């Protein structure tokens, strides 16, 4: 005889049913790709499921899961294979104006997304948490284990970079070629 799901598993399933769509949107804003976002959410949910009995007792489950998501994203960006791009012909030199993987997504290109893609990982994470979850500076600082001054600085610099990019003062292709979002961590 097969038994039904335990109370812990039922609670996890219920939480996932409610929170998976906002979590996926947040992962998309971090990564710029729905496919990568789905992978991030899947990895995050696996980690959450493994610790669900302990996590379910937390005061703020969403904050804990947000931290897992951001950490998974940062860890994923640090992997060397993510920086490799298959090509049919190897060029003699690099093209600084080449489109990024962000820009290759068909039908989902927008100036705001391109501007967000130019930001370092840490600034992007702070902006996404601030403007998608409406978290305060202190909440973001606690979530990412950063001083609030660092969060304010990243918010300010990230917002200004987005503003400059949207006003056309900074070409997005040049910004992505000169910045290295994969090398900057959250600390």
N, C-alpha and C. Protein backbone atom coordinates (compact mmCIF):
# COMPACT_ATOMS: atom_id res chain seq x y z
N UNK A 1 0.84 -1.17 0.00
CA UNK A 1 0.00 0.00 0.00
C UNK A 1 0.90 1.25 0.00
N UNK A 2 0.60 2.15 -0.89
CA UNK A 2 1.38 3.38 -1.00
C UNK A 2 0.69 4.47 -0.19
N UNK A 3 1.47 5.10 0.68
CA UNK A 3 0.91 6.17 1.50
C UNK A 3 1.01 7.50 0.77
N UNK A 4 0.22 8.45 1.19
CA UNK A 4 0.25 9.79 0.62
C UNK A 4 1.47 10.56 1.10
N UNK A 5 1.65 11.76 0.62
CA UNK A 5 2.80 12.55 1.03
C UNK A 5 2.73 12.92 2.50
N UNK A 6 3.90 13.05 3.11
CA UNK A 6 3.94 13.44 4.52
C UNK A 6 3.49 14.89 4.66
N UNK A 7 3.28 15.30 5.89
CA UNK A 7 2.85 16.69 6.13
C UNK A 7 3.90 17.67 5.66
N UNK A 8 5.20 17.32 5.86
CA UNK A 8 6.28 18.19 5.39
C UNK A 8 6.25 18.32 3.87
N UNK A 9 6.10 17.19 3.19
CA UNK A 9 6.08 17.22 1.74
C UNK A 9 4.85 17.97 1.21
N UNK A 10 3.72 17.79 1.86
CA UNK A 10 2.51 18.51 1.45
C UNK A 10 2.70 20.01 1.64
N UNK A 11 3.33 20.40 2.74
CA UNK A 11 3.62 21.82 2.97
C UNK A 11 4.57 22.38 1.92
N UNK A 12 5.57 21.59 1.55
CA UNK A 12 6.50 22.00 0.50
C UNK A 12 5.77 22.18 -0.82
N UNK A 13 4.95 21.22 -1.18
CA UNK A 13 4.20 21.30 -2.45
C UNK A 13 3.29 22.52 -2.47
N UNK A 14 2.66 22.79 -1.35
CA UNK A 14 1.77 23.95 -1.26
C UNK A 14 2.58 25.24 -1.42
N UNK A 15 3.73 25.33 -0.75
CA UNK A 15 4.57 26.52 -0.87
C UNK A 15 5.04 26.70 -2.32
N UNK A 16 5.46 25.61 -2.97
CA UNK A 16 5.93 25.68 -4.36
C UNK A 16 4.80 26.14 -5.28
N UNK A 17 3.60 25.65 -5.06
CA UNK A 17 2.47 26.03 -5.91
C UNK A 17 2.23 27.54 -5.86
N UNK A 18 2.44 28.13 -4.71
CA UNK A 18 2.20 29.57 -4.54
C UNK A 18 3.39 30.41 -4.99
N UNK A 19 4.61 29.97 -4.69
CA UNK A 19 5.79 30.81 -4.86
C UNK A 19 6.64 30.51 -6.09
N UNK A 20 6.36 29.47 -6.85
CA UNK A 20 7.25 29.11 -7.96
C UNK A 20 7.24 30.14 -9.09
N UNK A 21 6.10 30.72 -9.41
CA UNK A 21 6.05 31.71 -10.49
C UNK A 21 6.84 32.96 -10.16
N UNK A 22 6.67 33.57 -8.97
CA UNK A 22 7.51 34.73 -8.64
C UNK A 22 9.00 34.37 -8.56
N UNK A 23 9.30 33.17 -8.10
CA UNK A 23 10.69 32.73 -8.02
C UNK A 23 11.28 32.60 -9.42
N UNK A 24 10.50 32.10 -10.35
CA UNK A 24 10.97 31.96 -11.74
C UNK A 24 11.19 33.33 -12.38
N UNK A 25 10.28 34.28 -12.13
CA UNK A 25 10.46 35.64 -12.65
C UNK A 25 11.74 36.27 -12.13
N UNK A 26 11.98 36.09 -10.85
CA UNK A 26 13.18 36.64 -10.23
C UNK A 26 14.43 36.00 -10.84
N UNK A 27 14.39 34.70 -11.05
CA UNK A 27 15.52 34.00 -11.66
C UNK A 27 15.75 34.51 -13.08
N UNK A 28 14.68 34.80 -13.81
CA UNK A 28 14.82 35.36 -15.17
C UNK A 28 15.48 36.72 -15.13
N UNK A 29 15.07 37.56 -14.19
CA UNK A 29 15.67 38.89 -14.09
C UNK A 29 17.16 38.80 -13.73
N UNK A 30 17.52 37.82 -12.95
CA UNK A 30 18.93 37.63 -12.62
C UNK A 30 19.72 37.12 -13.82
N UNK A 31 19.17 36.14 -14.51
CA UNK A 31 19.93 35.46 -15.56
C UNK A 31 19.69 35.99 -16.97
N UNK A 32 18.50 36.51 -17.24
CA UNK A 32 18.19 37.01 -18.58
C UNK A 32 17.76 35.94 -19.55
N UNK A 33 17.59 34.73 -19.09
CA UNK A 33 17.20 33.62 -19.95
C UNK A 33 16.17 32.76 -19.22
N UNK A 34 15.08 32.46 -19.90
CA UNK A 34 14.07 31.62 -19.26
C UNK A 34 14.60 30.22 -19.01
N UNK A 35 15.45 29.72 -19.92
CA UNK A 35 16.01 28.38 -19.74
C UNK A 35 16.92 28.33 -18.51
N UNK A 36 17.77 29.33 -18.39
CA UNK A 36 18.65 29.41 -17.22
C UNK A 36 17.83 29.63 -15.96
N UNK A 37 16.79 30.45 -16.06
CA UNK A 37 15.92 30.70 -14.91
C UNK A 37 15.27 29.40 -14.44
N UNK A 38 14.80 28.59 -15.39
CA UNK A 38 14.20 27.32 -15.02
C UNK A 38 15.21 26.42 -14.31
N UNK A 39 16.45 26.39 -14.81
CA UNK A 39 17.49 25.59 -14.17
C UNK A 39 17.78 26.11 -12.76
N UNK A 40 17.85 27.43 -12.62
CA UNK A 40 18.11 28.02 -11.31
C UNK A 40 16.99 27.69 -10.32
N UNK A 41 15.76 27.81 -10.77
CA UNK A 41 14.63 27.51 -9.90
C UNK A 41 14.65 26.03 -9.51
N UNK A 42 14.94 25.18 -10.47
CA UNK A 42 15.00 23.74 -10.17
C UNK A 42 16.08 23.44 -9.13
N UNK A 43 17.28 24.01 -9.31
CA UNK A 43 18.36 23.80 -8.34
C UNK A 43 17.98 24.36 -6.98
N UNK A 44 17.33 25.51 -6.98
CA UNK A 44 16.90 26.12 -5.72
C UNK A 44 15.87 25.25 -5.01
N UNK A 45 14.89 24.77 -5.77
CA UNK A 45 13.85 23.94 -5.17
C UNK A 45 14.39 22.61 -4.65
N UNK A 46 15.40 22.07 -5.31
CA UNK A 46 16.03 20.85 -4.81
C UNK A 46 16.67 21.11 -3.45
N UNK A 47 17.39 22.24 -3.35
CA UNK A 47 18.03 22.60 -2.09
C UNK A 47 16.99 22.87 -1.00
N UNK A 48 15.91 23.53 -1.37
CA UNK A 48 14.85 23.82 -0.40
C UNK A 48 14.17 22.53 0.05
N UNK A 49 13.90 21.65 -0.87
CA UNK A 49 13.25 20.38 -0.52
C UNK A 49 14.11 19.57 0.44
N UNK A 50 15.41 19.56 0.18
CA UNK A 50 16.32 18.79 1.05
C UNK A 50 16.29 19.29 2.48
N UNK A 51 16.10 20.58 2.68
CA UNK A 51 16.07 21.13 4.03
C UNK A 51 14.71 21.61 4.47
N UNK A 52 13.65 21.17 3.80
CA UNK A 52 12.32 21.71 4.05
C UNK A 52 11.85 21.60 5.50
N UNK A 53 12.04 20.50 6.19
CA UNK A 53 11.55 20.45 7.58
C UNK A 53 12.15 21.58 8.44
N UNK A 54 13.40 21.90 8.22
CA UNK A 54 14.05 22.98 8.96
C UNK A 54 13.63 24.34 8.42
N UNK A 55 13.57 24.47 7.09
CA UNK A 55 13.23 25.75 6.45
C UNK A 55 11.79 26.15 6.76
N UNK A 56 10.88 25.18 6.80
CA UNK A 56 9.46 25.46 7.05
C UNK A 56 9.24 26.12 8.41
N UNK A 57 10.17 25.92 9.34
CA UNK A 57 10.04 26.50 10.67
C UNK A 57 10.59 27.93 10.73
N UNK A 58 11.23 28.38 9.66
CA UNK A 58 11.83 29.72 9.63
C UNK A 58 10.74 30.79 9.64
N UNK A 59 11.11 31.98 10.14
CA UNK A 59 10.16 33.09 10.17
C UNK A 59 9.85 33.59 8.77
N UNK A 60 10.85 33.64 7.91
CA UNK A 60 10.67 34.19 6.58
C UNK A 60 11.23 33.22 5.55
N UNK A 61 10.42 32.30 5.11
CA UNK A 61 10.83 31.28 4.16
C UNK A 61 11.29 31.91 2.85
N UNK A 62 10.56 32.92 2.38
CA UNK A 62 10.89 33.55 1.10
C UNK A 62 12.28 34.19 1.13
N UNK A 63 12.64 34.82 2.22
CA UNK A 63 13.96 35.43 2.33
C UNK A 63 15.05 34.37 2.25
N UNK A 64 14.82 33.26 2.91
CA UNK A 64 15.79 32.16 2.89
C UNK A 64 15.92 31.61 1.47
N UNK A 65 14.81 31.42 0.79
CA UNK A 65 14.82 30.87 -0.56
C UNK A 65 15.45 31.89 -1.54
N UNK A 66 15.19 33.18 -1.34
CA UNK A 66 15.83 34.20 -2.18
C UNK A 66 17.35 34.11 -2.06
N UNK A 67 17.82 33.92 -0.87
CA UNK A 67 19.27 33.82 -0.67
C UNK A 67 19.82 32.58 -1.39
N UNK A 68 19.12 31.48 -1.30
CA UNK A 68 19.54 30.27 -2.01
C UNK A 68 19.58 30.54 -3.51
N UNK A 69 18.54 31.18 -4.04
CA UNK A 69 18.46 31.47 -5.47
C UNK A 69 19.63 32.35 -5.92
N UNK A 70 19.89 33.42 -5.20
CA UNK A 70 20.98 34.32 -5.58
C UNK A 70 22.33 33.60 -5.49
N UNK A 71 22.52 32.83 -4.43
CA UNK A 71 23.78 32.09 -4.30
C UNK A 71 23.95 31.07 -5.41
N UNK A 72 22.87 30.39 -5.78
CA UNK A 72 22.94 29.43 -6.89
C UNK A 72 23.29 30.15 -8.19
N UNK A 73 22.70 31.33 -8.40
CA UNK A 73 23.00 32.10 -9.60
C UNK A 73 24.48 32.50 -9.64
N UNK A 74 24.98 33.03 -8.53
CA UNK A 74 26.38 33.46 -8.47
C UNK A 74 27.30 32.26 -8.67
N UNK A 75 27.02 31.14 -8.02
CA UNK A 75 27.84 29.94 -8.18
C UNK A 75 27.83 29.47 -9.64
N UNK A 76 26.65 29.52 -10.26
CA UNK A 76 26.52 29.09 -11.64
C UNK A 76 27.34 29.98 -12.57
N UNK A 77 27.36 31.28 -12.31
CA UNK A 77 28.11 32.21 -13.16
C UNK A 77 29.62 32.03 -13.00
N UNK A 78 30.05 31.47 -11.89
CA UNK A 78 31.47 31.26 -11.66
C UNK A 78 32.00 30.01 -12.36
N UNK A 79 31.12 29.16 -12.80
CA UNK A 79 31.56 27.92 -13.45
C UNK A 79 32.22 28.24 -14.78
N UNK A 80 33.40 27.68 -15.03
CA UNK A 80 34.12 28.00 -16.27
C UNK A 80 33.35 27.62 -17.53
N UNK A 81 32.59 26.55 -17.51
CA UNK A 81 31.91 26.13 -18.72
C UNK A 81 30.84 27.13 -19.15
N UNK A 82 30.37 27.98 -18.24
CA UNK A 82 29.38 28.98 -18.60
C UNK A 82 29.98 30.06 -19.50
N UNK A 83 31.29 30.23 -19.43
CA UNK A 83 31.93 31.27 -20.23
C UNK A 83 32.29 30.77 -21.62
N UNK A 84 32.13 29.50 -21.86
CA UNK A 84 32.45 28.94 -23.16
C UNK A 84 31.25 29.04 -24.08
N UNK A 85 31.50 29.44 -25.30
CA UNK A 85 30.44 29.54 -26.31
C UNK A 85 30.87 28.75 -27.55
N UNK A 86 30.11 27.73 -27.92
CA UNK A 86 30.50 26.96 -29.11
C UNK A 86 30.34 27.80 -30.37
N UNK A 87 31.30 27.68 -31.26
CA UNK A 87 31.26 28.38 -32.54
C UNK A 87 31.69 27.41 -33.64
N UNK A 88 31.24 27.67 -34.85
CA UNK A 88 31.63 26.80 -35.96
C UNK A 88 33.04 27.12 -36.42
N UNK A 89 33.37 28.41 -36.51
CA UNK A 89 34.71 28.83 -36.91
C UNK A 89 35.31 29.68 -35.81
N UNK A 90 36.51 29.35 -35.40
CA UNK A 90 37.18 30.12 -34.36
C UNK A 90 37.78 31.38 -35.00
N UNK A 91 37.38 32.57 -34.53
CA UNK A 91 37.90 33.81 -35.11
C UNK A 91 39.35 34.05 -34.67
N UNK A 92 40.07 34.86 -35.47
CA UNK A 92 41.45 35.20 -35.13
C UNK A 92 41.51 36.18 -33.97
N UNK A 93 40.47 37.02 -33.84
CA UNK A 93 40.42 37.97 -32.74
C UNK A 93 38.98 38.07 -32.25
N UNK A 94 38.82 38.67 -31.08
CA UNK A 94 37.47 38.80 -30.53
C UNK A 94 36.80 40.05 -31.08
N UNK A 95 35.49 40.02 -31.11
CA UNK A 95 34.70 41.16 -31.57
C UNK A 95 34.09 41.82 -30.34
N UNK A 96 34.58 43.00 -29.98
CA UNK A 96 34.11 43.68 -28.76
C UNK A 96 32.63 44.03 -28.85
N UNK A 97 32.08 44.18 -30.04
CA UNK A 97 30.69 44.55 -30.18
C UNK A 97 29.75 43.37 -30.37
N UNK A 98 30.27 42.16 -30.19
CA UNK A 98 29.44 40.98 -30.40
C UNK A 98 28.30 40.93 -29.39
N UNK A 99 27.19 40.39 -29.81
CA UNK A 99 26.03 40.28 -28.92
C UNK A 99 26.31 39.28 -27.82
N UNK A 100 25.77 39.54 -26.66
CA UNK A 100 25.93 38.62 -25.55
C UNK A 100 24.86 37.56 -25.63
N UNK A 101 24.95 36.57 -24.79
CA UNK A 101 23.94 35.51 -24.74
C UNK A 101 22.58 36.10 -24.37
N UNK A 102 22.59 37.18 -23.58
CA UNK A 102 21.35 37.87 -23.22
C UNK A 102 20.62 38.35 -24.46
N UNK A 103 21.38 38.94 -25.39
CA UNK A 103 20.76 39.54 -26.57
C UNK A 103 20.32 38.51 -27.59
N UNK A 104 20.76 37.27 -27.44
CA UNK A 104 20.43 36.25 -28.42
C UNK A 104 19.04 35.66 -28.22
N UNK A 105 18.40 35.96 -27.12
CA UNK A 105 17.07 35.41 -26.85
C UNK A 105 16.07 36.12 -27.75
N UNK A 106 15.42 35.34 -28.59
CA UNK A 106 14.52 35.92 -29.57
C UNK A 106 13.23 36.42 -28.94
N UNK A 107 12.80 37.59 -29.37
CA UNK A 107 11.51 38.11 -28.96
C UNK A 107 11.44 38.63 -27.53
N UNK A 108 12.56 38.64 -26.81
CA UNK A 108 12.51 39.07 -25.43
C UNK A 108 13.55 40.15 -25.17
N UNK A 109 13.93 40.87 -26.19
CA UNK A 109 14.95 41.89 -26.07
C UNK A 109 14.30 43.22 -25.71
N UNK A 110 14.80 43.87 -24.68
CA UNK A 110 14.30 45.18 -24.30
C UNK A 110 15.47 46.01 -23.80
N UNK A 111 15.37 47.32 -23.92
CA UNK A 111 16.46 48.17 -23.42
C UNK A 111 16.73 47.97 -21.93
N UNK A 112 15.69 47.77 -21.14
CA UNK A 112 15.89 47.58 -19.71
C UNK A 112 16.63 46.27 -19.44
N UNK A 113 16.25 45.21 -20.11
CA UNK A 113 16.91 43.93 -19.92
C UNK A 113 18.36 43.99 -20.37
N UNK A 114 18.61 44.68 -21.49
CA UNK A 114 19.99 44.84 -21.96
C UNK A 114 20.80 45.63 -20.94
N UNK A 115 20.21 46.68 -20.39
CA UNK A 115 20.91 47.48 -19.38
C UNK A 115 21.18 46.63 -18.14
N UNK A 116 20.22 45.83 -17.73
CA UNK A 116 20.40 44.96 -16.58
C UNK A 116 21.50 43.94 -16.83
N UNK A 117 21.59 43.47 -18.06
CA UNK A 117 22.60 42.47 -18.41
C UNK A 117 24.02 43.02 -18.33
N UNK A 118 24.18 44.32 -18.42
CA UNK A 118 25.52 44.90 -18.38
C UNK A 118 26.06 45.02 -16.97
N UNK A 119 25.21 44.87 -15.98
CA UNK A 119 25.63 45.06 -14.59
C UNK A 119 26.39 43.86 -14.06
N UNK A 120 27.31 44.10 -13.13
CA UNK A 120 27.95 42.97 -12.45
C UNK A 120 26.91 42.18 -11.66
N UNK A 121 27.20 40.94 -11.41
CA UNK A 121 26.27 40.03 -10.75
C UNK A 121 25.77 40.61 -9.43
N UNK A 122 26.66 41.18 -8.63
CA UNK A 122 26.26 41.68 -7.31
C UNK A 122 25.28 42.84 -7.41
N UNK A 123 25.51 43.76 -8.36
CA UNK A 123 24.58 44.88 -8.53
C UNK A 123 23.24 44.39 -9.05
N UNK A 124 23.29 43.46 -9.99
CA UNK A 124 22.06 42.92 -10.55
C UNK A 124 21.23 42.24 -9.47
N UNK A 125 21.88 41.46 -8.60
CA UNK A 125 21.17 40.75 -7.53
C UNK A 125 20.50 41.74 -6.58
N UNK A 126 21.21 42.80 -6.21
CA UNK A 126 20.66 43.80 -5.30
C UNK A 126 19.48 44.51 -5.95
N UNK A 127 19.60 44.90 -7.21
CA UNK A 127 18.50 45.58 -7.90
C UNK A 127 17.28 44.68 -8.05
N UNK A 128 17.50 43.43 -8.40
CA UNK A 128 16.37 42.51 -8.57
C UNK A 128 15.65 42.32 -7.24
N UNK A 129 16.41 42.12 -6.16
CA UNK A 129 15.76 41.93 -4.86
C UNK A 129 15.04 43.20 -4.41
N UNK A 130 15.60 44.35 -4.71
CA UNK A 130 15.00 45.62 -4.28
C UNK A 130 13.71 45.90 -5.05
N UNK A 131 13.74 45.72 -6.36
CA UNK A 131 12.61 46.17 -7.17
C UNK A 131 11.62 45.07 -7.55
N UNK A 132 11.97 43.80 -7.38
CA UNK A 132 10.95 42.77 -7.62
C UNK A 132 10.29 42.34 -6.32
N UNK A 133 11.07 42.31 -5.23
CA UNK A 133 10.50 41.90 -3.94
C UNK A 133 10.20 43.07 -3.03
N UNK A 134 10.58 44.27 -3.45
CA UNK A 134 10.38 45.48 -2.66
C UNK A 134 10.99 45.34 -1.26
N UNK A 135 12.19 44.72 -1.22
CA UNK A 135 12.88 44.58 0.05
C UNK A 135 13.57 45.88 0.42
N UNK A 136 13.70 46.14 1.71
CA UNK A 136 14.43 47.32 2.17
C UNK A 136 15.92 47.05 2.07
N UNK A 137 16.71 48.10 2.21
CA UNK A 137 18.16 47.97 2.19
C UNK A 137 18.61 47.02 3.29
N UNK A 138 18.03 47.15 4.46
CA UNK A 138 18.41 46.30 5.58
C UNK A 138 18.05 44.84 5.32
N UNK A 139 16.90 44.60 4.71
CA UNK A 139 16.51 43.22 4.40
C UNK A 139 17.46 42.60 3.38
N UNK A 140 17.83 43.37 2.36
CA UNK A 140 18.76 42.87 1.36
C UNK A 140 20.13 42.61 1.99
N UNK A 141 20.56 43.53 2.84
CA UNK A 141 21.85 43.37 3.53
C UNK A 141 21.85 42.09 4.36
N UNK A 142 20.77 41.84 5.07
CA UNK A 142 20.68 40.62 5.88
C UNK A 142 20.64 39.38 4.99
N UNK A 143 19.85 39.45 3.93
CA UNK A 143 19.70 38.32 3.02
C UNK A 143 21.02 37.94 2.36
N UNK A 144 21.79 38.94 1.92
CA UNK A 144 23.04 38.68 1.20
C UNK A 144 24.26 38.71 2.11
N UNK A 145 24.03 38.94 3.40
CA UNK A 145 25.11 38.99 4.38
C UNK A 145 26.14 40.07 4.00
N UNK A 146 25.62 41.26 3.74
CA UNK A 146 26.45 42.41 3.37
C UNK A 146 26.15 43.57 4.30
N UNK A 147 27.09 44.49 4.45
CA UNK A 147 26.78 45.72 5.19
C UNK A 147 25.75 46.54 4.42
N UNK A 148 24.89 47.26 5.13
CA UNK A 148 23.86 48.05 4.45
C UNK A 148 24.48 49.12 3.57
N UNK A 149 25.64 49.63 3.93
CA UNK A 149 26.32 50.62 3.10
C UNK A 149 26.71 50.05 1.74
N UNK A 150 27.12 48.78 1.72
CA UNK A 150 27.47 48.12 0.46
C UNK A 150 26.23 47.96 -0.41
N UNK A 151 25.12 47.59 0.22
CA UNK A 151 23.86 47.44 -0.53
C UNK A 151 23.44 48.79 -1.11
N UNK A 152 23.52 49.85 -0.32
CA UNK A 152 23.16 51.18 -0.82
C UNK A 152 24.05 51.59 -1.98
N UNK A 153 25.33 51.32 -1.86
CA UNK A 153 26.27 51.66 -2.92
C UNK A 153 25.95 50.90 -4.20
N UNK A 154 25.69 49.62 -4.08
CA UNK A 154 25.36 48.81 -5.26
C UNK A 154 24.04 49.23 -5.87
N UNK A 155 23.07 49.57 -5.04
CA UNK A 155 21.80 50.08 -5.55
C UNK A 155 22.01 51.38 -6.32
N UNK A 156 22.76 52.28 -5.73
CA UNK A 156 23.01 53.58 -6.36
C UNK A 156 23.75 53.43 -7.67
N UNK A 157 24.84 52.69 -7.65
CA UNK A 157 25.65 52.51 -8.86
C UNK A 157 24.89 51.73 -9.94
N UNK A 158 24.16 50.71 -9.51
CA UNK A 158 23.39 49.93 -10.47
C UNK A 158 22.27 50.74 -11.11
N UNK A 159 21.57 51.51 -10.28
CA UNK A 159 20.49 52.36 -10.80
C UNK A 159 21.04 53.41 -11.76
N UNK A 160 22.15 54.00 -11.42
CA UNK A 160 22.77 55.00 -12.30
C UNK A 160 23.24 54.37 -13.61
N UNK A 161 23.80 53.18 -13.54
CA UNK A 161 24.23 52.50 -14.76
C UNK A 161 23.03 52.18 -15.66
N UNK A 162 21.95 51.73 -15.05
CA UNK A 162 20.72 51.46 -15.83
C UNK A 162 20.22 52.75 -16.46
N UNK A 163 20.18 53.81 -15.68
CA UNK A 163 19.71 55.10 -16.17
C UNK A 163 20.56 55.58 -17.36
N UNK A 164 21.89 55.52 -17.20
CA UNK A 164 22.79 55.94 -18.29
C UNK A 164 22.56 55.09 -19.53
N UNK A 165 22.41 53.78 -19.31
CA UNK A 165 22.20 52.89 -20.44
C UNK A 165 20.90 53.16 -21.17
N UNK A 166 19.84 53.44 -20.41
CA UNK A 166 18.54 53.71 -21.04
C UNK A 166 18.51 55.06 -21.73
N UNK A 167 19.32 56.00 -21.25
CA UNK A 167 19.39 57.31 -21.90
C UNK A 167 20.32 57.29 -23.11
N UNK A 168 20.98 56.17 -23.33
CA UNK A 168 21.81 56.03 -24.51
C UNK A 168 23.22 56.58 -24.35
N UNK A 169 23.61 56.92 -23.13
CA UNK A 169 24.95 57.45 -22.92
C UNK A 169 26.00 56.36 -22.87
N UNK A 170 25.59 55.13 -22.60
CA UNK A 170 26.53 54.03 -22.55
C UNK A 170 26.04 52.95 -23.50
N UNK A 171 26.75 52.70 -24.60
CA UNK A 171 26.33 51.61 -25.49
C UNK A 171 26.38 50.28 -24.76
N UNK A 172 25.31 49.51 -24.84
CA UNK A 172 25.24 48.26 -24.10
C UNK A 172 26.31 47.27 -24.56
N UNK A 173 26.58 47.20 -25.84
CA UNK A 173 27.55 46.23 -26.33
C UNK A 173 28.93 46.52 -25.76
N UNK A 174 29.31 47.80 -25.67
CA UNK A 174 30.61 48.13 -25.11
C UNK A 174 30.64 47.84 -23.63
N UNK A 175 29.55 48.11 -22.92
CA UNK A 175 29.51 47.86 -21.48
C UNK A 175 29.68 46.39 -21.17
N UNK A 176 29.04 45.53 -21.95
CA UNK A 176 29.15 44.11 -21.68
C UNK A 176 30.53 43.60 -22.04
N UNK A 177 31.17 44.19 -23.03
CA UNK A 177 32.49 43.73 -23.41
C UNK A 177 33.53 44.12 -22.38
N UNK A 178 33.32 45.25 -21.69
CA UNK A 178 34.33 45.71 -20.74
C UNK A 178 34.06 45.25 -19.33
N UNK A 179 32.82 44.89 -19.00
CA UNK A 179 32.54 44.44 -17.64
C UNK A 179 32.68 42.93 -17.58
N UNK A 180 32.93 42.44 -16.41
CA UNK A 180 33.08 41.01 -16.23
C UNK A 180 32.18 40.55 -15.09
N UNK A 181 30.86 40.37 -15.38
CA UNK A 181 29.94 40.01 -14.33
C UNK A 181 30.19 38.64 -13.75
N UNK A 182 30.90 37.78 -14.47
CA UNK A 182 31.13 36.44 -13.94
C UNK A 182 32.22 36.41 -12.91
N UNK A 183 33.07 37.43 -12.88
CA UNK A 183 34.18 37.39 -11.94
C UNK A 183 33.88 38.08 -10.61
N UNK A 184 32.79 38.82 -10.54
CA UNK A 184 32.48 39.53 -9.30
C UNK A 184 31.50 38.74 -8.47
N UNK A 185 31.82 38.51 -7.25
CA UNK A 185 30.96 37.77 -6.34
C UNK A 185 30.08 38.71 -5.55
N UNK A 186 29.45 38.20 -4.53
CA UNK A 186 28.55 39.00 -3.72
C UNK A 186 29.23 39.56 -2.48
N UNK A 187 30.46 39.25 -2.24
CA UNK A 187 31.08 39.78 -1.04
C UNK A 187 31.99 40.94 -1.33
